[in-house]
């Protein structure tokens, strides 16, 4: 099955995020990449600042992307804490 957002075909998860949020830039520019160096991070943040300076309206979808990532992380964190508590209780430990 093919998926579209507007006139654009969604080929993978990255396309979906870019098109759904209207970023027009790869999400990695705003979120970073695992294992990036301090120099790479600084360059990425500088590029992001330049892009936002040229297109201030992009701040809203970038903020929306950040919220989605934070919410997803919070769900994973809550699940991990719940599992750790369940393991302690199952092992006879305190809650």
PDB file of N, CA and C in Angstrom:
ATOM      1  N   UNK A   1       0.839  -1.167   0.000  1.00  0.00           N
ATOM      2  CA  UNK A   1       0.000   0.000   0.000  1.00  0.00           C
ATOM      3  C   UNK A   1       0.898   1.248   0.000  1.00  0.00           C
ATOM      4  N   UNK A   2       0.520   2.218  -0.794  1.00  0.00           N
ATOM      5  CA  UNK A   2       1.279   3.459  -0.873  1.00  0.00           C
ATOM      6  C   UNK A   2       0.607   4.512  -0.004  1.00  0.00           C
ATOM      7  N   UNK A   3       1.424   5.332   0.646  1.00  0.00           N
ATOM      8  CA  UNK A   3       0.904   6.399   1.499  1.00  0.00           C
ATOM      9  C   UNK A   3       1.329   7.750   0.953  1.00  0.00           C
ATOM     10  N   UNK A   4       0.437   8.726   1.097  1.00  0.00           N
ATOM     11  CA  UNK A   4       0.710  10.072   0.613  1.00  0.00           C
ATOM     12  C   UNK A   4       0.333  11.095   1.678  1.00  0.00           C
ATOM     13  N   UNK A   5       1.097  12.152   1.737  1.00  0.00           N
ATOM     14  CA  UNK A   5       0.736  13.345   2.501  1.00  0.00           C
ATOM     15  C   UNK A   5       0.725  14.466   1.480  1.00  0.00           C
ATOM     16  N   UNK A   6      -0.466  14.988   1.230  1.00  0.00           N
ATOM     17  CA  UNK A   6      -0.605  15.943   0.140  1.00  0.00           C
ATOM     18  C   UNK A   6      -0.292  15.241  -1.168  1.00  0.00           C
ATOM     19  N   UNK A   7       0.541  15.855  -1.972  1.00  0.00           N
ATOM     20  CA  UNK A   7       0.916  15.267  -3.259  1.00  0.00           C
ATOM     21  C   UNK A   7       2.186  14.422  -3.169  1.00  0.00           C
ATOM     22  N   UNK A   8       2.735  14.282  -1.962  1.00  0.00           N
ATOM     23  CA  UNK A   8       4.023  13.614  -1.800  1.00  0.00           C
ATOM     24  C   UNK A   8       3.856  12.195  -1.277  1.00  0.00           C
ATOM     25  N   UNK A   9       4.569  11.262  -1.905  1.00  0.00           N
ATOM     26  CA  UNK A   9       4.532   9.876  -1.465  1.00  0.00           C
ATOM     27  C   UNK A   9       5.468   9.684  -0.278  1.00  0.00           C
ATOM     28  N   UNK A  10       4.982   8.949   0.709  1.00  0.00           N
ATOM     29  CA  UNK A  10       5.769   8.623   1.897  1.00  0.00           C
ATOM     30  C   UNK A  10       6.455   7.288   1.637  1.00  0.00           C
ATOM     31  N   UNK A  11       7.789   7.298   1.609  1.00  0.00           N
ATOM     32  CA  UNK A  11       8.537   6.077   1.321  1.00  0.00           C
ATOM     33  C   UNK A  11       9.047   5.386   2.575  1.00  0.00           C
ATOM     34  N   UNK A  12       9.265   6.151   3.656  1.00  0.00           N
ATOM     35  CA  UNK A  12       9.761   5.564   4.893  1.00  0.00           C
ATOM     36  C   UNK A  12       9.366   6.457   6.066  1.00  0.00           C
ATOM     37  N   UNK A  13       9.765   6.064   7.273  1.00  0.00           N
ATOM     38  CA  UNK A  13       9.405   6.829   8.473  1.00  0.00           C
ATOM     39  C   UNK A  13       9.945   8.254   8.429  1.00  0.00           C
ATOM     40  N   UNK A  14      11.148   8.416   7.896  1.00  0.00           N
ATOM     41  CA  UNK A  14      11.737   9.751   7.807  1.00  0.00           C
ATOM     42  C   UNK A  14      10.900  10.641   6.905  1.00  0.00           C
ATOM     43  N   UNK A  15      10.479  10.124   5.767  1.00  0.00           N
ATOM     44  CA  UNK A  15       9.596  10.892   4.882  1.00  0.00           C
ATOM     45  C   UNK A  15       8.325  11.294   5.616  1.00  0.00           C
ATOM     46  N   UNK A  16       7.771  10.347   6.359  1.00  0.00           N
ATOM     47  CA  UNK A  16       6.527  10.635   7.072  1.00  0.00           C
ATOM     48  C   UNK A  16       6.713  11.799   8.038  1.00  0.00           C
ATOM     49  N   UNK A  17       7.781  11.762   8.829  1.00  0.00           N
ATOM     50  CA  UNK A  17       8.028  12.836   9.794  1.00  0.00           C
ATOM     51  C   UNK A  17       8.241  14.157   9.075  1.00  0.00           C
ATOM     52  N   UNK A  18       9.090  14.157   8.053  1.00  0.00           N
ATOM     53  CA  UNK A  18       9.368  15.393   7.316  1.00  0.00           C
ATOM     54  C   UNK A  18       8.105  15.973   6.707  1.00  0.00           C
ATOM     55  N   UNK A  19       7.301  15.129   6.060  1.00  0.00           N
ATOM     56  CA  UNK A  19       6.111  15.616   5.371  1.00  0.00           C
ATOM     57  C   UNK A  19       4.994  15.975   6.349  1.00  0.00           C
ATOM     58  N   UNK A  20       4.802  15.161   7.361  1.00  0.00           N
ATOM     59  CA  UNK A  20       3.725  15.419   8.313  1.00  0.00           C
ATOM     60  C   UNK A  20       3.952  16.711   9.084  1.00  0.00           C
ATOM     61  N   UNK A  21       5.185  16.973   9.431  1.00  0.00           N
ATOM     62  CA  UNK A  21       5.491  18.190  10.185  1.00  0.00           C
ATOM     63  C   UNK A  21       5.806  19.374   9.288  1.00  0.00           C
ATOM     64  N   UNK A  22       5.966  19.126   8.010  1.00  0.00           N
ATOM     65  CA  UNK A  22       6.261  20.221   7.095  1.00  0.00           C
ATOM     66  C   UNK A  22       7.638  20.807   7.288  1.00  0.00           C
ATOM     67  N   UNK A  23       8.579  19.993   7.737  1.00  0.00           N
ATOM     68  CA  UNK A  23       9.919  20.503   8.013  1.00  0.00           C
ATOM     69  C   UNK A  23      10.667  20.887   6.745  1.00  0.00           C
ATOM     70  N   UNK A  24      10.652  20.014   5.760  1.00  0.00           N
ATOM     71  CA  UNK A  24      11.444  20.264   4.560  1.00  0.00           C
ATOM     72  C   UNK A  24      12.927  20.068   4.795  1.00  0.00           C
ATOM     73  N   UNK A  25      13.264  19.596   5.971  1.00  0.00           N
ATOM     74  CA  UNK A  25      14.658  19.296   6.331  1.00  0.00           C
ATOM     75  C   UNK A  25      14.650  17.936   7.032  1.00  0.00           C
ATOM     76  N   UNK A  26      15.769  17.240   7.007  1.00  0.00           N
ATOM     77  CA  UNK A  26      15.798  15.939   7.687  1.00  0.00           C
ATOM     78  C   UNK A  26      15.666  16.112   9.207  1.00  0.00           C
ATOM     79  N   UNK A  27      14.887  15.264   9.868  1.00  0.00           N
ATOM     80  CA  UNK A  27      14.728  15.372  11.318  1.00  0.00           C
ATOM     81  C   UNK A  27      16.055  15.315  12.072  1.00  0.00           C
ATOM     82  N   UNK A  28      17.044  14.618  11.507  1.00  0.00           N
ATOM     83  CA  UNK A  28      18.352  14.509  12.176  1.00  0.00           C
ATOM     84  C   UNK A  28      19.016  15.865  12.365  1.00  0.00           C
ATOM     85  N   UNK A  29      18.694  16.828  11.496  1.00  0.00           N
ATOM     86  CA  UNK A  29      19.253  18.169  11.662  1.00  0.00           C
ATOM     87  C   UNK A  29      18.833  18.748  13.003  1.00  0.00           C
ATOM     88  N   UNK A  30      17.615  18.474  13.410  1.00  0.00           N
ATOM     89  CA  UNK A  30      17.078  19.049  14.642  1.00  0.00           C
ATOM     90  C   UNK A  30      17.292  18.156  15.843  1.00  0.00           C
ATOM     91  N   UNK A  31      17.379  16.836  15.620  1.00  0.00           N
ATOM     92  CA  UNK A  31      17.459  15.894  16.730  1.00  0.00           C
ATOM     93  C   UNK A  31      18.862  15.357  16.984  1.00  0.00           C
ATOM     94  N   UNK A  32      19.729  15.463  15.990  1.00  0.00           N
ATOM     95  CA  UNK A  32      21.072  14.918  16.132  1.00  0.00           C
ATOM     96  C   UNK A  32      21.132  13.464  15.717  1.00  0.00           C
ATOM     97  N   UNK A  33      22.325  12.944  15.738  1.00  0.00           N
ATOM     98  CA  UNK A  33      22.573  11.554  15.365  1.00  0.00           C
ATOM     99  C   UNK A  33      23.304  10.871  16.519  1.00  0.00           C
ATOM    100  N   UNK A  34      23.011   9.611  16.763  1.00  0.00           N
ATOM    101  CA  UNK A  34      23.769   8.900  17.799  1.00  0.00           C
ATOM    102  C   UNK A  34      25.263   8.911  17.466  1.00  0.00           C
ATOM    103  N   UNK A  35      26.063   9.201  18.466  1.00  0.00           N
ATOM    104  CA  UNK A  35      27.504   9.163  18.292  1.00  0.00           C
ATOM    105  C   UNK A  35      28.116  10.374  17.615  1.00  0.00           C
ATOM    106  N   UNK A  36      27.335  11.443  17.412  1.00  0.00           N
ATOM    107  CA  UNK A  36      27.931  12.612  16.758  1.00  0.00           C
ATOM    108  C   UNK A  36      28.941  13.273  17.692  1.00  0.00           C
ATOM    109  N   UNK A  37      29.989  13.818  17.103  1.00  0.00           N
ATOM    110  CA  UNK A  37      31.024  14.478  17.888  1.00  0.00           C
ATOM    111  C   UNK A  37      30.549  15.864  18.306  1.00  0.00           C
ATOM    112  N   UNK A  38      31.289  16.493  19.212  1.00  0.00           N
ATOM    113  CA  UNK A  38      30.964  17.864  19.634  1.00  0.00           C
ATOM    114  C   UNK A  38      31.049  18.827  18.459  1.00  0.00           C
ATOM    115  N   UNK A  39      32.019  18.615  17.572  1.00  0.00           N
ATOM    116  CA  UNK A  39      32.150  19.475  16.394  1.00  0.00           C
ATOM    117  C   UNK A  39      30.963  19.301  15.456  1.00  0.00           C
ATOM    118  N   UNK A  40      30.533  18.041  15.255  1.00  0.00           N
ATOM    119  CA  UNK A  40      29.376  17.781  14.401  1.00  0.00           C
ATOM    120  C   UNK A  40      28.115  18.396  15.005  1.00  0.00           C
ATOM    121  N   UNK A  41      27.986  18.267  16.323  1.00  0.00           N
ATOM    122  CA  UNK A  41      26.822  18.840  17.008  1.00  0.00           C
ATOM    123  C   UNK A  41      26.807  20.359  16.850  1.00  0.00           C
ATOM    124  N   UNK A  42      27.944  20.987  17.057  1.00  0.00           N
ATOM    125  CA  UNK A  42      28.028  22.445  16.925  1.00  0.00           C
ATOM    126  C   UNK A  42      27.668  22.885  15.503  1.00  0.00           C
ATOM    127  N   UNK A  43      28.171  22.170  14.503  1.00  0.00           N
ATOM    128  CA  UNK A  43      27.872  22.508  13.109  1.00  0.00           C
ATOM    129  C   UNK A  43      26.383  22.315  12.816  1.00  0.00           C
ATOM    130  N   UNK A  44      25.808  21.238  13.344  1.00  0.00           N
ATOM    131  CA  UNK A  44      24.387  20.977  13.143  1.00  0.00           C
ATOM    132  C   UNK A  44      23.533  22.068  13.780  1.00  0.00           C
ATOM    133  N   UNK A  45      23.878  22.465  14.999  1.00  0.00           N
ATOM    134  CA  UNK A  45      23.122  23.513  15.679  1.00  0.00           C
ATOM    135  C   UNK A  45      23.265  24.861  14.973  1.00  0.00           C
ATOM    136  N   UNK A  46      24.462  25.150  14.471  1.00  0.00           N
ATOM    137  CA  UNK A  46      24.662  26.387  13.699  1.00  0.00           C
ATOM    138  C   UNK A  46      23.807  26.383  12.436  1.00  0.00           C
ATOM    139  N   UNK A  47      23.782  25.242  11.755  1.00  0.00           N
ATOM    140  CA  UNK A  47      22.973  25.142  10.536  1.00  0.00           C
ATOM    141  C   UNK A  47      21.494  25.327  10.866  1.00  0.00           C
ATOM    142  N   UNK A  48      21.041  24.706  11.933  1.00  0.00           N
ATOM    143  CA  UNK A  48      19.651  24.852  12.354  1.00  0.00           C
ATOM    144  C   UNK A  48      19.312  26.297  12.689  1.00  0.00           C
ATOM    145  N   UNK A  49      20.207  26.968  13.388  1.00  0.00           N
ATOM    146  CA  UNK A  49      19.978  28.378  13.731  1.00  0.00           C
ATOM    147  C   UNK A  49      19.890  29.233  12.473  1.00  0.00           C
ATOM    148  N   UNK A  50      20.759  28.968  11.502  1.00  0.00           N
ATOM    149  CA  UNK A  50      20.713  29.713  10.238  1.00  0.00           C
ATOM    150  C   UNK A  50      19.394  29.474   9.506  1.00  0.00           C
ATOM    151  N   UNK A  51      18.949  28.221   9.480  1.00  0.00           N
ATOM    152  CA  UNK A  51      17.697  27.891   8.795  1.00  0.00           C
ATOM    153  C   UNK A  51      16.519  28.580   9.477  1.00  0.00           C
ATOM    154  N   UNK A  52      16.489  28.558  10.813  1.00  0.00           N
ATOM    155  CA  UNK A  52      15.398  29.220  11.535  1.00  0.00           C
ATOM    156  C   UNK A  52      15.442  30.735  11.362  1.00  0.00           C
ATOM    157  N   UNK A  53      16.632  31.296  11.250  1.00  0.00           N
ATOM    158  CA  UNK A  53      16.746  32.741  11.018  1.00  0.00           C
ATOM    159  C   UNK A  53      16.172  33.104   9.649  1.00  0.00           C
ATOM    160  N   UNK A  54      16.397  32.242   8.665  1.00  0.00           N
ATOM    161  CA  UNK A  54      15.876  32.490   7.311  1.00  0.00           C
ATOM    162  C   UNK A  54      14.386  32.189   7.202  1.00  0.00           C
ATOM    163  N   UNK A  55      13.869  31.260   8.021  1.00  0.00           N
ATOM    164  CA  UNK A  55      12.470  30.850   7.943  1.00  0.00           C
ATOM    165  C   UNK A  55      11.904  30.678   9.348  1.00  0.00           C
ATOM    166  N   UNK A  56      11.546  31.783  10.015  1.00  0.00           N
ATOM    167  CA  UNK A  56      11.053  31.699  11.396  1.00  0.00           C
ATOM    168  C   UNK A  56       9.797  30.842  11.552  1.00  0.00           C
ATOM    169  N   UNK A  57       9.010  30.697  10.490  1.00  0.00           N
ATOM    170  CA  UNK A  57       7.800  29.872  10.571  1.00  0.00           C
ATOM    171  C   UNK A  57       8.123  28.392  10.776  1.00  0.00           C
ATOM    172  N   UNK A  58       9.345  28.010  10.528  1.00  0.00           N
ATOM    173  CA  UNK A  58       9.752  26.620  10.707  1.00  0.00           C
ATOM    174  C   UNK A  58       9.871  26.252  12.188  1.00  0.00           C
ATOM    175  N   UNK A  59       9.929  27.247  13.065  1.00  0.00           N
ATOM    176  CA  UNK A  59      10.074  26.978  14.500  1.00  0.00           C
ATOM    177  C   UNK A  59       8.917  26.133  15.036  1.00  0.00           C
ATOM    178  N   UNK A  60       7.712  26.357  14.546  1.00  0.00           N
ATOM    179  CA  UNK A  60       6.550  25.608  15.042  1.00  0.00           C
ATOM    180  C   UNK A  60       6.656  24.119  14.727  1.00  0.00           C
ATOM    181  N   UNK A  61       6.888  23.720  13.484  1.00  0.00           N
ATOM    182  CA  UNK A  61       6.997  22.275  13.245  1.00  0.00           C
ATOM    183  C   UNK A  61       8.229  21.649  13.894  1.00  0.00           C
ATOM    184  N   UNK A  62       9.316  22.401  14.027  1.00  0.00           N
ATOM    185  CA  UNK A  62      10.500  21.864  14.707  1.00  0.00           C
ATOM    186  C   UNK A  62      10.177  21.625  16.185  1.00  0.00           C
ATOM    187  N   UNK A  63       9.448  22.556  16.784  1.00  0.00           N
ATOM    188  CA  UNK A  63       9.032  22.379  18.180  1.00  0.00           C
ATOM    189  C   UNK A  63       8.102  21.185  18.315  1.00  0.00           C
ATOM    190  N   UNK A  64       7.207  21.000  17.344  1.00  0.00           N
ATOM    191  CA  UNK A  64       6.304  19.848  17.367  1.00  0.00           C
ATOM    192  C   UNK A  64       7.086  18.543  17.302  1.00  0.00           C
ATOM    193  N   UNK A  65       8.129  18.517  16.476  1.00  0.00           N
ATOM    194  CA  UNK A  65       8.975  17.326  16.382  1.00  0.00           C
ATOM    195  C   UNK A  65       9.640  17.047  17.728  1.00  0.00           C
ATOM    196  N   UNK A  66      10.147  18.085  18.368  1.00  0.00           N
ATOM    197  CA  UNK A  66      10.791  17.911  19.671  1.00  0.00           C
ATOM    198  C   UNK A  66       9.797  17.361  20.700  1.00  0.00           C
ATOM    199  N   UNK A  67       8.578  17.858  20.680  1.00  0.00           N
ATOM    200  CA  UNK A  67       7.551  17.373  21.607  1.00  0.00           C
ATOM    201  C   UNK A  67       7.262  15.899  21.361  1.00  0.00           C
ATOM    202  N   UNK A  68       7.134  15.501  20.102  1.00  0.00           N
ATOM    203  CA  UNK A  68       6.887  14.086  19.788  1.00  0.00           C
ATOM    204  C   UNK A  68       7.994  13.195  20.335  1.00  0.00           C
ATOM    205  N   UNK A  69       9.233  13.624  20.161  1.00  0.00           N
ATOM    206  CA  UNK A  69      10.372  12.828  20.627  1.00  0.00           C
ATOM    207  C   UNK A  69      10.394  12.759  22.150  1.00  0.00           C
ATOM    208  N   UNK A  70      10.126  13.878  22.808  1.00  0.00           N
ATOM    209  CA  UNK A  70      10.107  13.896  24.279  1.00  0.00           C
ATOM    210  C   UNK A  70       8.996  12.999  24.806  1.00  0.00           C
ATOM    211  N   UNK A  71       7.811  13.079  24.205  1.00  0.00           N
ATOM    212  CA  UNK A  71       6.701  12.224  24.644  1.00  0.00           C
ATOM    213  C   UNK A  71       7.020  10.752  24.446  1.00  0.00           C
ATOM    214  N   UNK A  72       7.634  10.418  23.324  1.00  0.00           N
ATOM    215  CA  UNK A  72       8.005   9.030  23.062  1.00  0.00           C
ATOM    216  C   UNK A  72       9.029   8.552  24.088  1.00  0.00           C
ATOM    217  N   UNK A  73      10.014   9.385  24.375  1.00  0.00           N
ATOM    218  CA  UNK A  73      11.031   9.035  25.369  1.00  0.00           C
ATOM    219  C   UNK A  73      10.398   8.849  26.746  1.00  0.00           C
ATOM    220  N   UNK A  74       9.463   9.728  27.099  1.00  0.00           N
ATOM    221  CA  UNK A  74       8.807   9.629  28.406  1.00  0.00           C
ATOM    222  C   UNK A  74       8.041   8.315  28.529  1.00  0.00           C
ATOM    223  N   UNK A  75       7.369   7.900  27.456  1.00  0.00           N
ATOM    224  CA  UNK A  75       6.655   6.611  27.490  1.00  0.00           C
ATOM    225  C   UNK A  75       7.630   5.458  27.710  1.00  0.00           C
ATOM    226  N   UNK A  76       8.764   5.492  27.006  1.00  0.00           N
ATOM    227  CA  UNK A  76       9.760   4.433  27.174  1.00  0.00           C
ATOM    228  C   UNK A  76      10.341   4.450  28.585  1.00  0.00           C
ATOM    229  N   UNK A  77      10.590   5.632  29.116  1.00  0.00           N
ATOM    230  CA  UNK A  77      11.130   5.757  30.462  1.00  0.00           C
ATOM    231  C   UNK A  77      10.146   5.222  31.498  1.00  0.00           C
ATOM    232  N   UNK A  78       8.866   5.576  31.354  1.00  0.00           N
ATOM    233  CA  UNK A  78       7.845   5.089  32.285  1.00  0.00           C
ATOM    234  C   UNK A  78       7.732   3.572  32.220  1.00  0.00           C
ATOM    235  N   UNK A  79       7.781   3.014  31.025  1.00  0.00           N
ATOM    236  CA  UNK A  79       7.712   1.558  30.863  1.00  0.00           C
ATOM    237  C   UNK A  79       8.919   0.891  31.511  1.00  0.00           C
ATOM    238  N   UNK A  80      10.095   1.446  31.298  1.00  0.00           N
ATOM    239  CA  UNK A  80      11.314   0.873  31.885  1.00  0.00           C
ATOM    240  C   UNK A  80      11.257   0.917  33.409  1.00  0.00           C
ATOM    241  N   UNK A  81      10.773   2.009  33.958  1.00  0.00           N
ATOM    242  CA  UNK A  81      10.661   2.114  35.428  1.00  0.00           C
ATOM    243  C   UNK A  81       9.645   1.113  35.964  1.00  0.00           C
ATOM    244  N   UNK A  82       8.529   0.979  35.258  1.00  0.00           N
ATOM    245  CA  UNK A  82       7.507   0.024  35.674  1.00  0.00           C
ATOM    246  C   UNK A  82       8.062  -1.400  35.660  1.00  0.00           C
ATOM    247  N   UNK A  83       8.793  -1.741  34.616  1.00  0.00           N
ATOM    248  CA  UNK A  83       9.380  -3.080  34.527  1.00  0.00           C
ATOM    249  C   UNK A  83      10.400  -3.310  35.631  1.00  0.00           C
ATOM    250  N   UNK A  84      11.211  -2.298  35.931  1.00  0.00           N
ATOM    251  CA  UNK A  84      12.212  -2.450  36.988  1.00  0.00           C
ATOM    252  C   UNK A  84      11.528  -2.672  38.337  1.00  0.00           C
ATOM    253  N   UNK A  85      10.453  -1.934  38.603  1.00  0.00           N
ATOM    254  CA  UNK A  85       9.710  -2.109  39.855  1.00  0.00           C
ATOM    255  C   UNK A  85       9.087  -3.494  39.912  1.00  0.00           C
ATOM    256  N   UNK A  86       8.497  -3.943  38.818  1.00  0.00           N
ATOM    257  CA  UNK A  86       7.874  -5.257  38.773  1.00  0.00           C
ATOM    258  C   UNK A  86       8.906  -6.350  39.027  1.00  0.00           C
ATOM    259  N   UNK A  87      10.098  -6.186  38.484  1.00  0.00           N
ATOM    260  CA  UNK A  87      11.157  -7.190  38.694  1.00  0.00           C
ATOM    261  C   UNK A  87      11.563  -7.234  40.179  1.00  0.00           C
ATOM    262  N   UNK A  88      11.710  -6.047  40.789  1.00  0.00           N
ATOM    263  CA  UNK A  88      12.084  -6.008  42.211  1.00  0.00           C
ATOM    264  C   UNK A  88      11.016  -6.677  43.063  1.00  0.00           C
ATOM    265  N   UNK A  89       9.755  -6.379  42.783  1.00  0.00           N
ATOM    266  CA  UNK A  89       8.654  -6.956  43.562  1.00  0.00           C
ATOM    267  C   UNK A  89       8.617  -8.475  43.347  1.00  0.00           C
ATOM    268  N   UNK A  90       8.791  -8.898  42.109  1.00  0.00           N
ATOM    269  CA  UNK A  90       8.782 -10.342  41.807  1.00  0.00           C
ATOM    270  C   UNK A  90       9.929 -11.059  42.494  1.00  0.00           C
ATOM    271  N   UNK A  91      11.043 -10.360  42.681  1.00  0.00           N
ATOM    272  CA  UNK A  91      12.199 -10.970  43.333  1.00  0.00           C
ATOM    273  C   UNK A  91      12.114 -10.872  44.856  1.00  0.00           C
ATOM    274  N   UNK A  92      11.002 -10.289  45.347  1.00  0.00           N
ATOM    275  CA  UNK A  92      10.821 -10.188  46.794  1.00  0.00           C
ATOM    276  C   UNK A  92      11.393  -8.923  47.390  1.00  0.00           C
ATOM    277  N   UNK A  93      11.795  -7.996  46.551  1.00  0.00           N
ATOM    278  CA  UNK A  93      12.355  -6.742  47.036  1.00  0.00           C
ATOM    279  C   UNK A  93      11.270  -5.712  47.302  1.00  0.00           C
ATOM    280  N   UNK A  94      11.695  -4.616  47.833  1.00  0.00           N
ATOM    281  CA  UNK A  94      10.772  -3.509  48.121  1.00  0.00           C
ATOM    282  C   UNK A  94      10.408  -2.772  46.846  1.00  0.00           C
ATOM    283  N   UNK A  95       9.289  -2.116  46.886  1.00  0.00           N
ATOM    284  CA  UNK A  95       8.837  -1.316  45.732  1.00  0.00           C
ATOM    285  C   UNK A  95       9.608  -0.071  45.626  1.00  0.00           C
TER     286      UNK A  95
END
